[in-house]
């Protein structure tokens, strides 16, 4: 059974095609589709030209390390806040039940 190749399929394959990571079969499929659909080929080429106008973000290894360390520190802080909130909630719950048991024992005992 042959599946129909659509613009969506070619759009999905386009990043792999552009990076050279697509298989030979996928490259042939994209080449054939674009040869038959010059308008869509021009649209894809225009997207390549636009992406070239926006430089990619390049960070030094030191900057990447600082960003990673900062993200880890924030994650640790979130865990401490969440853990502290759970512990505090447990203590409050324990105090409420303990107080209720104390009052019940005092009234019935």
Protein backbone atom coordinates (compact mmCIF):
# COMPACT_ATOMS: atom_id res chain seq x y z
CA UNK A 1 0.00 0.00 0.00
CA UNK A 2 1.44 3.37 -1.01
CA UNK A 3 0.86 6.29 1.30
CA UNK A 4 0.29 9.74 -0.11
CA UNK A 5 3.10 12.19 0.52
CA UNK A 6 1.66 15.51 1.62
CA UNK A 7 3.07 18.91 2.50
CA UNK A 8 2.78 17.97 6.16
CA UNK A 9 4.98 14.91 5.65
CA UNK A 10 7.58 16.95 3.79
CA UNK A 11 7.41 19.70 6.43
CA UNK A 12 8.06 17.09 9.13
CA UNK A 13 11.05 15.72 7.21
CA UNK A 14 12.39 19.17 6.28
CA UNK A 15 14.58 19.75 9.38
CA UNK A 16 16.21 16.33 8.95
CA UNK A 17 16.62 16.95 5.24
CA UNK A 18 18.26 20.36 5.82
CA UNK A 19 20.62 19.03 8.48
CA UNK A 20 21.68 16.09 6.31
CA UNK A 21 20.39 13.55 8.84
CA UNK A 22 17.54 12.17 6.71
CA UNK A 23 17.90 8.73 5.23
CA UNK A 24 18.53 8.35 1.51
CA UNK A 25 14.92 7.24 1.01
CA UNK A 26 13.56 10.26 2.90
CA UNK A 27 15.84 12.61 0.93
CA UNK A 28 14.63 11.09 -2.34
CA UNK A 29 11.01 11.44 -1.23
CA UNK A 30 11.49 15.13 -0.32
CA UNK A 31 13.44 15.82 -3.54
CA UNK A 32 10.71 14.23 -5.66
CA UNK A 33 7.92 16.09 -3.85
CA UNK A 34 9.68 19.46 -4.12
CA UNK A 35 10.45 18.89 -7.81
CA UNK A 36 6.73 18.39 -8.42
CA UNK A 37 5.63 21.27 -6.15
CA UNK A 38 7.76 24.28 -6.95
CA UNK A 39 5.54 26.69 -5.00
CA UNK A 40 5.96 24.70 -1.81
CA UNK A 41 9.68 24.31 -2.52
CA UNK A 42 9.95 28.11 -2.76
CA UNK A 43 8.09 28.46 0.55
CA UNK A 44 10.49 26.08 2.28
CA UNK A 45 13.49 27.84 0.75
CA UNK A 46 12.12 31.16 1.98
CA UNK A 47 11.92 29.73 5.50
CA UNK A 48 15.60 28.78 5.21
CA UNK A 49 16.45 32.34 4.15
CA UNK A 50 14.49 33.75 7.10
CA UNK A 51 16.14 31.44 9.61
CA UNK A 52 19.52 32.57 8.33
CA UNK A 53 18.59 36.15 9.24
CA UNK A 54 18.27 35.15 12.90
CA UNK A 55 21.59 34.07 14.35
CA UNK A 56 21.54 31.08 16.65
CA UNK A 57 22.28 31.56 20.30
CA UNK A 58 25.83 30.46 21.08
CA UNK A 59 26.95 30.23 24.68
CA UNK A 60 30.42 29.64 25.98
CA UNK A 61 30.89 26.45 28.00
CA UNK A 62 31.34 28.64 31.09
CA UNK A 63 28.00 30.40 30.47
CA UNK A 64 26.28 27.04 29.92
CA UNK A 65 27.73 25.77 33.21
CA UNK A 66 26.49 28.88 35.08
CA UNK A 67 23.00 28.48 33.61
CA UNK A 68 22.93 24.80 34.54
CA UNK A 69 24.15 25.51 38.07
CA UNK A 70 21.51 28.23 38.46
CA UNK A 71 18.76 25.87 37.26
CA UNK A 72 19.93 23.19 39.70
CA UNK A 73 19.97 25.68 42.57
CA UNK A 74 16.43 26.82 41.77
CA UNK A 75 15.28 23.19 41.56
CA UNK A 76 16.82 22.46 44.98
CA UNK A 77 15.10 25.52 46.43
CA UNK A 78 11.74 24.40 45.01
CA UNK A 79 12.21 20.96 46.55
CA UNK A 80 13.03 22.52 49.92
CA UNK A 81 9.96 24.74 49.79
CA UNK A 82 7.69 21.86 48.76
CA UNK A 83 9.19 19.51 51.35
CA UNK A 84 8.93 22.17 54.06
CA UNK A 85 5.31 22.84 53.15
CA UNK A 86 4.45 19.15 53.35
CA UNK A 87 6.25 18.81 56.69
CA UNK A 88 4.55 21.92 58.10
CA UNK A 89 1.16 20.65 56.89
CA UNK A 90 1.82 17.32 58.59
CA UNK A 91 2.74 19.02 61.86
CA UNK A 92 -0.37 21.18 61.75
CA UNK A 93 -2.52 18.13 61.02
CA UNK A 94 -0.86 16.24 63.87
CA UNK A 95 -1.44 19.17 66.24
CA UNK A 96 -5.11 19.44 65.23
CA UNK A 97 -5.75 15.70 65.69
CA UNK A 98 -3.72 15.64 68.90
CA UNK A 99 -5.70 18.57 70.25
CA UNK A 100 -8.97 16.95 69.26
CA UNK A 101 -7.95 13.69 70.97
CA UNK A 102 -6.87 15.62 74.08
CA UNK A 103 -10.20 17.46 74.22
CA UNK A 104 -12.16 14.25 73.59
CA UNK A 105 -10.23 12.38 76.31
CA UNK A 106 -10.74 15.24 78.74
CA UNK A 107 -14.51 15.42 78.10
CA UNK A 108 -15.13 11.67 78.17
CA UNK A 109 -12.45 10.58 80.54
